Amino acid sequence: MNGLLAAALVRVGRTVLAVVASAAVIIGLWYAFISVFDLDSLVAKDPQAVWEYLFTARRAPASRKVILDGLWHTLGDAGLGYLFGTVAAIVVAVTFVLARPVERALMPVAMMLRSVPLVAMIPLLTLVFGRGPTAVGVIAGIIVFFPSLVNLTFGLRSGPPAAADLVRAYGGGPATVLRKVSLPSALPALFVSARIAVPGAIIGALLAEWLATGQGLGYYMQRAQQTFDYGGVWASVVVVTVASVVLYAVVGFVEAIVLARYGPNPAGSRPGR
């Protein structure tokens, strides 16, 4: 138990340190970008201006409410897209592992579709799926699906061959090998995919809201830009970035706990035990 807790704390500490370092780098680059290119303060807002827009200006409460309402809507859309994309990636990855001919037939098609810009596909997707939650789930899910598929397929094949042979020796079939060996070995790949896919799902949701649904933070940013509310645009970008970083940290926290207990080398395990 102590080993499990220590391993989890180490992983959590690394995640928190990475988040803090990333935030410091982003703020530094933000100030440097404005300074180097000598951008007009009317358009380019620095961190202090965004803070004032959200917290100290006279209209800050109203502005904050509009942005947070849009953020919750966008996070809901992103969650739907993440669910669609991840479930589809798991199903296809398992199919690829169990049936290699299917992988040889479909993987090139998937990679070819991945090379098509999503912006070019959105008009077609809205024609097929409409402008409701299904369209948002599909658009955001496409961004999640492809990196998750590659990582999960690799992860499912990374199980120890000796463990798979042992299961087969006791009469286990492909499904048993998948459940007992491949899926536990794929847990690190699943969390790597999650860390990539969660911000990607948010980007997909913003894109869908901007071009398809006319709701959420994506649409608010477009409307703010059209009405010259540049403070609202920058504040929205900051808020959605912070939300992405927080979700990334949450995934890292869950990863620390799960892998410390159920990963390929769980804490407390020792060779020969």
C-alpha atoms as a PDB file:
ATOM      1  CA  MET A   1       0.000   0.000   0.000  1.00  0.00           C
ATOM      2  CA  ASN A   2       2.827   2.393   0.866  1.00  0.00           C
ATOM      3  CA  GLY A   3       4.510   1.611  -2.445  1.00  0.00           C
ATOM      4  CA  LEU A   4       1.256   2.280  -4.293  1.00  0.00           C
ATOM      5  CA  LEU A   5       0.796   5.637  -2.552  1.00  0.00           C
ATOM      6  CA  ALA A   6       4.410   6.643  -3.149  1.00  0.00           C
ATOM      7  CA  ALA A   7       4.240   5.793  -6.841  1.00  0.00           C
ATOM      8  CA  ALA A   8       0.977   7.731  -7.219  1.00  0.00           C
ATOM      9  CA  LEU A   9       2.426  10.778  -5.439  1.00  0.00           C
ATOM     10  CA  VAL A  10       5.517  10.725  -7.652  1.00  0.00           C
ATOM     11  CA  ARG A  11       3.393  10.653 -10.805  1.00  0.00           C
ATOM     12  CA  VAL A  12       1.095  13.401  -9.513  1.00  0.00           C
ATOM     13  CA  GLY A  13       4.091  15.541  -8.546  1.00  0.00           C
ATOM     14  CA  ARG A  14       5.554  15.227 -12.024  1.00  0.00           C
ATOM     15  CA  THR A  15       2.219  16.204 -13.578  1.00  0.00           C
ATOM     16  CA  VAL A  16       1.818  19.257 -11.334  1.00  0.00           C
ATOM     17  CA  LEU A  17       5.397  20.348 -12.024  1.00  0.00           C
ATOM     18  CA  ALA A  18       4.835  20.011 -15.767  1.00  0.00           C
ATOM     19  CA  VAL A  19       1.640  22.084 -15.567  1.00  0.00           C
ATOM     20  CA  VAL A  20       3.297  24.876 -13.560  1.00  0.00           C
ATOM     21  CA  ALA A  21       6.286  24.974 -15.889  1.00  0.00           C
ATOM     22  CA  SER A  22       4.024  25.070 -18.948  1.00  0.00           C
ATOM     23  CA  ALA A  23       2.003  27.956 -17.504  1.00  0.00           C
ATOM     24  CA  ALA A  24       5.159  29.968 -16.789  1.00  0.00           C
ATOM     25  CA  VAL A  25       6.496  29.366 -20.300  1.00  0.00           C
ATOM     26  CA  ILE A  26       3.186  30.345 -21.914  1.00  0.00           C
ATOM     27  CA  ILE A  27       2.941  33.614 -19.970  1.00  0.00           C
ATOM     28  CA  GLY A  28       6.554  34.485 -20.776  1.00  0.00           C
ATOM     29  CA  LEU A  29       6.067  33.773 -24.474  1.00  0.00           C
ATOM     30  CA  TRP A  30       2.835  35.765 -24.432  1.00  0.00           C
ATOM     31  CA  TYR A  31       4.556  38.921 -23.161  1.00  0.00           C
ATOM     32  CA  ALA A  32       7.502  38.358 -25.503  1.00  0.00           C
ATOM     33  CA  PHE A  33       5.254  37.922 -28.552  1.00  0.00           C
ATOM     34  CA  ILE A  34       3.461  41.214 -27.908  1.00  0.00           C
ATOM     35  CA  SER A  35       6.712  43.030 -27.203  1.00  0.00           C
ATOM     36  CA  VAL A  36       8.759  41.676 -30.124  1.00  0.00           C
ATOM     37  CA  PHE A  37       6.083  42.367 -32.732  1.00  0.00           C
ATOM     38  CA  ASP A  38       5.027  45.664 -31.101  1.00  0.00           C
ATOM     39  CA  LEU A  39       1.339  44.782 -31.391  1.00  0.00           C
ATOM     40  CA  ASP A  40      -1.390  47.373 -30.900  1.00  0.00           C
ATOM     41  CA  SER A  41      -2.851  47.156 -27.397  1.00  0.00           C
ATOM     42  CA  LEU A  42      -6.336  47.572 -28.880  1.00  0.00           C
ATOM     43  CA  VAL A  43      -6.048  44.159 -30.516  1.00  0.00           C
ATOM     44  CA  ALA A  44      -3.355  42.313 -28.557  1.00  0.00           C
ATOM     45  CA  LYS A  45      -4.197  41.942 -24.864  1.00  0.00           C
ATOM     46  CA  ASP A  46      -1.526  40.992 -22.357  1.00  0.00           C
ATOM     47  CA  PRO A  47      -2.179  38.844 -19.242  1.00  0.00           C
ATOM     48  CA  GLN A  48      -2.864  41.913 -17.103  1.00  0.00           C
ATOM     49  CA  ALA A  49      -5.514  43.167 -19.541  1.00  0.00           C
ATOM     50  CA  VAL A  50      -7.188  39.754 -19.561  1.00  0.00           C
ATOM     51  CA  TRP A  51      -7.172  39.705 -15.752  1.00  0.00           C
ATOM     52  CA  GLU A  52      -8.848  43.109 -15.674  1.00  0.00           C
ATOM     53  CA  TYR A  53     -11.419  42.002 -18.265  1.00  0.00           C
ATOM     54  CA  LEU A  54     -12.378  38.962 -16.207  1.00  0.00           C
ATOM     55  CA  PHE A  55     -12.065  40.206 -12.619  1.00  0.00           C
ATOM     56  CA  THR A  56     -11.586  43.936 -11.992  1.00  0.00           C
ATOM     57  CA  ALA A  57     -13.362  45.832 -14.786  1.00  0.00           C
ATOM     58  CA  ARG A  58     -16.825  47.222 -14.203  1.00  0.00           C
ATOM     59  CA  ARG A  59     -18.421  44.703 -16.589  1.00  0.00           C
ATOM     60  CA  ALA A  60     -16.233  41.823 -15.382  1.00  0.00           C
ATOM     61  CA  PRO A  61     -19.052  39.827 -13.692  1.00  0.00           C
ATOM     62  CA  ALA A  62     -21.219  39.910 -16.828  1.00  0.00           C
ATOM     63  CA  SER A  63     -18.273  39.122 -19.111  1.00  0.00           C
ATOM     64  CA  ARG A  64     -17.161  36.281 -16.868  1.00  0.00           C
ATOM     65  CA  LYS A  65     -20.648  34.778 -16.782  1.00  0.00           C
ATOM     66  CA  VAL A  66     -20.974  34.788 -20.579  1.00  0.00           C
ATOM     67  CA  ILE A  67     -17.566  33.195 -21.068  1.00  0.00           C
ATOM     68  CA  LEU A  68     -18.060  30.552 -18.362  1.00  0.00           C
ATOM     69  CA  ASP A  69     -21.504  29.644 -19.709  1.00  0.00           C
ATOM     70  CA  GLY A  70     -19.936  29.166 -23.126  1.00  0.00           C
ATOM     71  CA  LEU A  71     -17.097  27.157 -21.601  1.00  0.00           C
ATOM     72  CA  TRP A  72     -19.453  24.692 -19.876  1.00  0.00           C
ATOM     73  CA  HIS A  73     -21.281  24.186 -23.158  1.00  0.00           C
ATOM     74  CA  THR A  74     -17.993  23.637 -24.987  1.00  0.00           C
ATOM     75  CA  LEU A  75     -16.750  21.174 -22.357  1.00  0.00           C
ATOM     76  CA  GLY A  76     -19.971  19.216 -22.735  1.00  0.00           C
ATOM     77  CA  ASP A  77     -19.477  19.109 -26.504  1.00  0.00           C
ATOM     78  CA  ALA A  78     -15.836  18.092 -26.024  1.00  0.00           C
ATOM     79  CA  GLY A  79     -16.835  15.330 -23.623  1.00  0.00           C
ATOM     80  CA  LEU A  80     -19.284  13.970 -26.166  1.00  0.00           C
ATOM     81  CA  GLY A  81     -16.618  14.053 -28.870  1.00  0.00           C
ATOM     82  CA  TYR A  82     -14.064  12.398 -26.608  1.00  0.00           C
ATOM     83  CA  LEU A  83     -16.525   9.621 -25.782  1.00  0.00           C
ATOM     84  CA  PHE A  84     -17.391   9.049 -29.451  1.00  0.00           C
ATOM     85  CA  GLY A  85     -13.764   9.074 -30.586  1.00  0.00           C
ATOM     86  CA  THR A  86     -12.338   6.937 -27.788  1.00  0.00           C
ATOM     87  CA  VAL A  87     -15.014   4.247 -27.925  1.00  0.00           C
ATOM     88  CA  ALA A  88     -14.640   4.030 -31.701  1.00  0.00           C
ATOM     89  CA  ALA A  89     -10.837   3.859 -31.399  1.00  0.00           C
ATOM     90  CA  ILE A  90     -11.004   1.069 -28.801  1.00  0.00           C
ATOM     91  CA  VAL A  91     -13.417  -0.985 -30.902  1.00  0.00           C
ATOM     92  CA  VAL A  92     -11.371  -0.583 -34.082  1.00  0.00           C
ATOM     93  CA  ALA A  93      -8.047  -1.195 -32.305  1.00  0.00           C
ATOM     94  CA  VAL A  94      -9.354  -4.428 -30.764  1.00  0.00           C
ATOM     95  CA  THR A  95     -10.629  -5.472 -34.199  1.00  0.00           C
ATOM     96  CA  PHE A  96      -7.230  -4.749 -35.723  1.00  0.00           C
ATOM     97  CA  VAL A  97      -5.452  -6.843 -33.073  1.00  0.00           C
ATOM     98  CA  LEU A  98      -7.816  -9.781 -33.409  1.00  0.00           C
ATOM     99  CA  ALA A  99      -7.992  -9.684 -37.218  1.00  0.00           C
ATOM    100  CA  ARG A 100      -4.789  -8.561 -38.934  1.00  0.00           C
ATOM    101  CA  PRO A 101      -6.322  -8.670 -42.455  1.00  0.00           C
ATOM    102  CA  VAL A 102      -8.852  -6.056 -41.346  1.00  0.00           C
ATOM    103  CA  GLU A 103      -6.009  -3.802 -40.198  1.00  0.00           C
ATOM    104  CA  ARG A 104      -4.140  -4.207 -43.478  1.00  0.00           C
ATOM    105  CA  ALA A 105      -7.293  -3.280 -45.368  1.00  0.00           C
ATOM    106  CA  LEU A 106      -8.500  -0.350 -43.263  1.00  0.00           C
ATOM    107  CA  MET A 107      -5.433   1.299 -41.706  1.00  0.00           C
ATOM    108  CA  PRO A 108      -4.287   2.900 -45.000  1.00  0.00           C
ATOM    109  CA  VAL A 109      -7.812   4.252 -45.493  1.00  0.00           C
ATOM    110  CA  ALA A 110      -7.808   5.701 -41.975  1.00  0.00           C
ATOM    111  CA  MET A 111      -4.437   7.387 -42.517  1.00  0.00           C
ATOM    112  CA  MET A 112      -5.606   8.811 -45.838  1.00  0.00           C
ATOM    113  CA  LEU A 113      -8.731  10.264 -44.215  1.00  0.00           C
ATOM    114  CA  ARG A 114      -6.570  11.693 -41.431  1.00  0.00           C
ATOM    115  CA  SER A 115      -4.658  13.750 -43.996  1.00  0.00           C
ATOM    116  CA  VAL A 116      -7.841  15.564 -45.114  1.00  0.00           C
ATOM    117  CA  PRO A 117      -8.226  18.909 -43.257  1.00  0.00           C
ATOM    118  CA  LEU A 118     -11.173  18.731 -40.884  1.00  0.00           C
ATOM    119  CA  VAL A 119     -12.298  22.236 -41.853  1.00  0.00           C
ATOM    120  CA  ALA A 120     -12.822  20.990 -45.410  1.00  0.00           C
ATOM    121  CA  MET A 121     -14.959  18.095 -44.153  1.00  0.00           C
ATOM    122  CA  ILE A 122     -17.239  20.075 -41.836  1.00  0.00           C
ATOM    123  CA  PRO A 123     -19.719  21.231 -44.537  1.00  0.00           C
ATOM    124  CA  LEU A 124     -20.197  17.615 -45.600  1.00  0.00           C
ATOM    125  CA  LEU A 125     -20.469  16.419 -42.005  1.00  0.00           C
ATOM    126  CA  THR A 126     -23.130  19.025 -41.207  1.00  0.00           C
ATOM    127  CA  LEU A 127     -25.107  17.948 -44.263  1.00  0.00           C
ATOM    128  CA  VAL A 128     -25.018  14.322 -43.107  1.00  0.00           C
ATOM    129  CA  PHE A 129     -25.388  14.747 -39.329  1.00  0.00           C
ATOM    130  CA  GLY A 130     -27.105  18.134 -39.064  1.00  0.00           C
ATOM    131  CA  ARG A 131     -26.112  20.897 -36.636  1.00  0.00           C
ATOM    132  CA  GLY A 132     -26.994  19.214 -33.351  1.00  0.00           C
ATOM    133  CA  PRO A 133     -25.067  17.225 -30.733  1.00  0.00           C
ATOM    134  CA  THR A 134     -24.453  14.335 -33.124  1.00  0.00           C
ATOM    135  CA  ALA A 135     -22.540  16.573 -35.504  1.00  0.00           C
ATOM    136  CA  VAL A 136     -20.485  17.984 -32.632  1.00  0.00           C
ATOM    137  CA  GLY A 137     -19.707  14.480 -31.381  1.00  0.00           C
ATOM    138  CA  VAL A 138     -18.605  13.350 -34.824  1.00  0.00           C
ATOM    139  CA  ILE A 139     -16.473  16.427 -35.551  1.00  0.00           C
ATOM    140  CA  ALA A 140     -14.725  16.392 -32.168  1.00  0.00           C
ATOM    141  CA  GLY A 141     -14.569  12.593 -32.225  1.00  0.00           C
ATOM    142  CA  ILE A 142     -12.649  12.569 -35.512  1.00  0.00           C
ATOM    143  CA  ILE A 143      -9.826  14.549 -33.902  1.00  0.00           C
ATOM    144  CA  VAL A 144      -9.778  12.108 -30.974  1.00  0.00           C
ATOM    145  CA  PHE A 145     -10.126   8.941 -33.028  1.00  0.00           C
ATOM    146  CA  PHE A 146      -6.986   8.828 -35.148  1.00  0.00           C
ATOM    147  CA  PRO A 147      -4.216   9.393 -32.553  1.00  0.00           C
ATOM    148  CA  SER A 148      -6.098   7.154 -30.109  1.00  0.00           C
ATOM    149  CA  LEU A 149      -6.358   4.391 -32.713  1.00  0.00           C
ATOM    150  CA  VAL A 150      -2.619   4.374 -33.415  1.00  0.00           C
ATOM    151  CA  ASN A 151      -1.628   4.465 -29.729  1.00  0.00           C
ATOM    152  CA  LEU A 152      -4.136   1.827 -28.660  1.00  0.00           C
ATOM    153  CA  THR A 153      -3.229  -0.550 -31.474  1.00  0.00           C
ATOM    154  CA  PHE A 154       0.434  -0.292 -30.452  1.00  0.00           C
ATOM    155  CA  GLY A 155      -0.474  -0.660 -26.780  1.00  0.00           C
ATOM    156  CA  LEU A 156      -2.593  -3.760 -27.308  1.00  0.00           C
ATOM    157  CA  ARG A 157       0.351  -5.406 -29.069  1.00  0.00           C
ATOM    158  CA  SER A 158       2.887  -4.470 -26.397  1.00  0.00           C
ATOM    159  CA  GLY A 159       1.929  -7.219 -23.961  1.00  0.00           C
ATOM    160  CA  PRO A 160       4.642  -9.691 -22.881  1.00  0.00           C
ATOM    161  CA  PRO A 161       4.709 -12.614 -25.350  1.00  0.00           C
ATOM    162  CA  ALA A 162       5.500 -15.018 -22.503  1.00  0.00           C
ATOM    163  CA  ALA A 163       2.325 -14.010 -20.670  1.00  0.00           C
ATOM    164  CA  ALA A 164       0.256 -14.521 -23.828  1.00  0.00           C
ATOM    165  CA  ASP A 165       1.841 -17.935 -24.381  1.00  0.00           C
ATOM    166  CA  LEU A 166       1.043 -18.896 -20.780  1.00  0.00           C
ATOM    167  CA  VAL A 167      -2.627 -18.017 -21.250  1.00  0.00           C
ATOM    168  CA  ARG A 168      -2.759 -20.049 -24.453  1.00  0.00           C
ATOM    169  CA  ALA A 169      -1.044 -22.981 -22.742  1.00  0.00           C
ATOM    170  CA  TYR A 170      -3.887 -23.085 -20.209  1.00  0.00           C
ATOM    171  CA  GLY A 171      -6.460 -23.158 -23.002  1.00  0.00           C
ATOM    172  CA  GLY A 172      -7.200 -19.463 -23.357  1.00  0.00           C
ATOM    173  CA  GLY A 173      -8.295 -18.167 -26.725  1.00  0.00           C
ATOM    174  CA  PRO A 174      -7.625 -14.816 -28.423  1.00  0.00           C
ATOM    175  CA  ALA A 175     -10.349 -13.112 -26.383  1.00  0.00           C
ATOM    176  CA  THR A 176      -8.816 -14.336 -23.120  1.00  0.00           C
ATOM    177  CA  VAL A 177      -5.353 -13.194 -24.178  1.00  0.00           C
ATOM    178  CA  LEU A 178      -6.855  -9.830 -25.032  1.00  0.00           C
ATOM    179  CA  ARG A 179      -8.572  -9.505 -21.662  1.00  0.00           C
ATOM    180  CA  LYS A 180      -5.788 -10.905 -19.469  1.00  0.00           C
ATOM    181  CA  VAL A 181      -2.665  -9.608 -21.252  1.00  0.00           C
ATOM    182  CA  SER A 182      -3.312  -7.069 -24.003  1.00  0.00           C
ATOM    183  CA  LEU A 183      -5.769  -4.746 -22.261  1.00  0.00           C
ATOM    184  CA  PRO A 184      -3.683  -4.300 -19.059  1.00  0.00           C
ATOM    185  CA  SER A 185      -0.607  -3.707 -21.198  1.00  0.00           C
ATOM    186  CA  ALA A 186      -2.515  -1.077 -23.188  1.00  0.00           C
ATOM    187  CA  LEU A 187      -3.371   1.055 -20.136  1.00  0.00           C
ATOM    188  CA  PRO A 188      -0.322   3.357 -20.551  1.00  0.00           C
ATOM    189  CA  ALA A 189      -1.212   3.839 -24.234  1.00  0.00           C
ATOM    190  CA  LEU A 190      -4.813   4.599 -23.269  1.00  0.00           C
ATOM    191  CA  PHE A 191      -3.717   7.390 -20.948  1.00  0.00           C
ATOM    192  CA  VAL A 192      -1.213   8.744 -23.470  1.00  0.00           C
ATOM    193  CA  SER A 193      -4.090   8.875 -25.928  1.00  0.00           C
ATOM    194  CA  ALA A 194      -6.261  10.627 -23.348  1.00  0.00           C
ATOM    195  CA  ARG A 195      -3.660  13.306 -22.718  1.00  0.00           C
ATOM    196  CA  ILE A 196      -3.493  13.982 -26.456  1.00  0.00           C
ATOM    197  CA  ALA A 197      -7.195  13.568 -27.117  1.00  0.00           C
ATOM    198  CA  VAL A 198      -8.706  15.710 -24.351  1.00  0.00           C
ATOM    199  CA  PRO A 199      -7.252  19.007 -25.662  1.00  0.00           C
ATOM    200  CA  GLY A 200      -7.973  17.779 -29.190  1.00  0.00           C
ATOM    201  CA  ALA A 201     -11.613  17.179 -28.291  1.00  0.00           C
ATOM    202  CA  ILE A 202     -11.875  20.746 -26.990  1.00  0.00           C
ATOM    203  CA  ILE A 203     -10.406  22.068 -30.243  1.00  0.00           C
ATOM    204  CA  GLY A 204     -12.864  19.948 -32.221  1.00  0.00           C
ATOM    205  CA  ALA A 205     -15.775  21.217 -30.129  1.00  0.00           C
ATOM    206  CA  LEU A 206     -14.706  24.850 -30.660  1.00  0.00           C
ATOM    207  CA  LEU A 207     -14.423  24.214 -34.380  1.00  0.00           C
ATOM    208  CA  ALA A 208     -17.853  22.594 -34.540  1.00  0.00           C
ATOM    209  CA  GLU A 209     -19.416  25.461 -32.583  1.00  0.00           C
ATOM    210  CA  TRP A 210     -17.746  28.019 -34.812  1.00  0.00           C
ATOM    211  CA  LEU A 211     -18.701  26.449 -38.139  1.00  0.00           C
ATOM    212  CA  ALA A 212     -21.743  24.297 -37.402  1.00  0.00           C
ATOM    213  CA  THR A 213     -23.821  24.795 -34.276  1.00  0.00           C
ATOM    214  CA  GLY A 214     -23.566  28.511 -33.471  1.00  0.00           C
ATOM    215  CA  GLN A 215     -23.368  27.782 -29.740  1.00  0.00           C
ATOM    216  CA  GLY A 216     -20.763  27.564 -26.999  1.00  0.00           C
ATOM    217  CA  LEU A 217     -17.461  29.321 -26.580  1.00  0.00           C
ATOM    218  CA  GLY A 218     -16.437  28.758 -30.201  1.00  0.00           C
ATOM    219  CA  TYR A 219     -19.361  30.805 -31.459  1.00  0.00           C
ATOM    220  CA  TYR A 220     -18.877  33.439 -28.738  1.00  0.00           C
ATOM    221  CA  MET A 221     -15.269  33.986 -29.829  1.00  0.00           C
ATOM    222  CA  GLN A 222     -16.362  34.477 -33.415  1.00  0.00           C
ATOM    223  CA  ARG A 223     -19.067  36.948 -32.380  1.00  0.00           C
ATOM    224  CA  ALA A 224     -16.687  38.835 -30.061  1.00  0.00           C
ATOM    225  CA  GLN A 225     -14.178  39.218 -32.883  1.00  0.00           C
ATOM    226  CA  GLN A 226     -16.867  40.537 -35.234  1.00  0.00           C
ATOM    227  CA  THR A 227     -17.973  43.130 -32.655  1.00  0.00           C
ATOM    228  CA  PHE A 228     -14.355  44.212 -31.919  1.00  0.00           C
ATOM    229  CA  ASP A 229     -14.543  42.823 -28.384  1.00  0.00           C
ATOM    230  CA  TYR A 230     -10.915  41.711 -28.478  1.00  0.00           C
ATOM    231  CA  GLY A 231     -10.765  41.463 -24.701  1.00  0.00           C
ATOM    232  CA  GLY A 232     -13.486  38.815 -24.910  1.00  0.00           C
ATOM    233  CA  VAL A 233     -11.546  36.913 -27.570  1.00  0.00           C
ATOM    234  CA  TRP A 234      -8.328  36.844 -25.536  1.00  0.00           C
ATOM    235  CA  ALA A 235     -10.157  36.065 -22.301  1.00  0.00           C
ATOM    236  CA  SER A 236     -11.942  33.151 -24.001  1.00  0.00           C
ATOM    237  CA  VAL A 237      -8.645  31.795 -25.292  1.00  0.00           C
ATOM    238  CA  VAL A 238      -7.130  32.013 -21.809  1.00  0.00           C
ATOM    239  CA  VAL A 239     -10.118  30.366 -20.147  1.00  0.00           C
ATOM    240  CA  VAL A 240     -10.262  27.476 -22.593  1.00  0.00           C
ATOM    241  CA  THR A 241      -6.475  27.029 -22.325  1.00  0.00           C
ATOM    242  CA  VAL A 242      -6.668  26.893 -18.536  1.00  0.00           C
ATOM    243  CA  ALA A 243      -9.512  24.370 -18.800  1.00  0.00           C
ATOM    244  CA  SER A 244      -7.394  22.223 -21.146  1.00  0.00           C
ATOM    245  CA  VAL A 245      -4.431  22.345 -18.763  1.00  0.00           C
ATOM    246  CA  VAL A 246      -6.632  21.434 -15.790  1.00  0.00           C
ATOM    247  CA  LEU A 247      -8.148  18.500 -17.656  1.00  0.00           C
ATOM    248  CA  TYR A 248      -4.673  17.400 -18.706  1.00  0.00           C
ATOM    249  CA  ALA A 249      -3.640  17.455 -15.048  1.00  0.00           C
ATOM    250  CA  VAL A 250      -6.755  15.500 -14.048  1.00  0.00           C
ATOM    251  CA  VAL A 251      -5.915  12.838 -16.644  1.00  0.00           C
ATOM    252  CA  GLY A 252      -2.391  12.705 -15.236  1.00  0.00           C
ATOM    253  CA  PHE A 253      -3.759  12.304 -11.712  1.00  0.00           C
ATOM    254  CA  VAL A 254      -6.069   9.460 -12.736  1.00  0.00           C
ATOM    255  CA  GLU A 255      -3.225   7.894 -14.710  1.00  0.00           C
ATOM    256  CA  ALA A 256      -0.986   7.991 -11.659  1.00  0.00           C
ATOM    257  CA  ILE A 257      -3.523   6.133  -9.529  1.00  0.00           C
ATOM    258  CA  VAL A 258      -4.587   3.573 -12.134  1.00  0.00           C
ATOM    259  CA  LEU A 259      -1.120   2.704 -13.429  1.00  0.00           C
ATOM    260  CA  ALA A 260       0.291   2.492  -9.914  1.00  0.00           C
ATOM    261  CA  ARG A 261      -2.343  -0.155  -9.157  1.00  0.00           C
ATOM    262  CA  TYR A 262      -3.169  -1.850 -12.459  1.00  0.00           C
ATOM    263  CA  GLY A 263      -0.340  -0.957 -14.846  1.00  0.00           C
ATOM    264  CA  PRO A 264       2.129  -3.416 -16.387  1.00  0.00           C
ATOM    265  CA  ASN A 265       4.516  -2.825 -13.440  1.00  0.00           C
ATOM    266  CA  PRO A 266       2.265  -1.879 -10.516  1.00  0.00           C
ATOM    267  CA  ALA A 267       3.771  -0.460  -7.384  1.00  0.00           C
ATOM    268  CA  GLY A 268       4.792  -3.008  -4.849  1.00  0.00           C
ATOM    269  CA  SER A 269       5.401  -5.759  -7.379  1.00  0.00           C
ATOM    270  CA  ARG A 270       8.810  -7.349  -7.383  1.00  0.00           C
ATOM    271  CA  PRO A 271      10.385  -9.870  -9.719  1.00  0.00           C
ATOM    272  CA  GLY A 272       9.696 -13.353  -8.519  1.00  0.00           C
ATOM    273  CA  ARG A 273       6.763 -12.333  -6.314  1.00  0.00           C
END
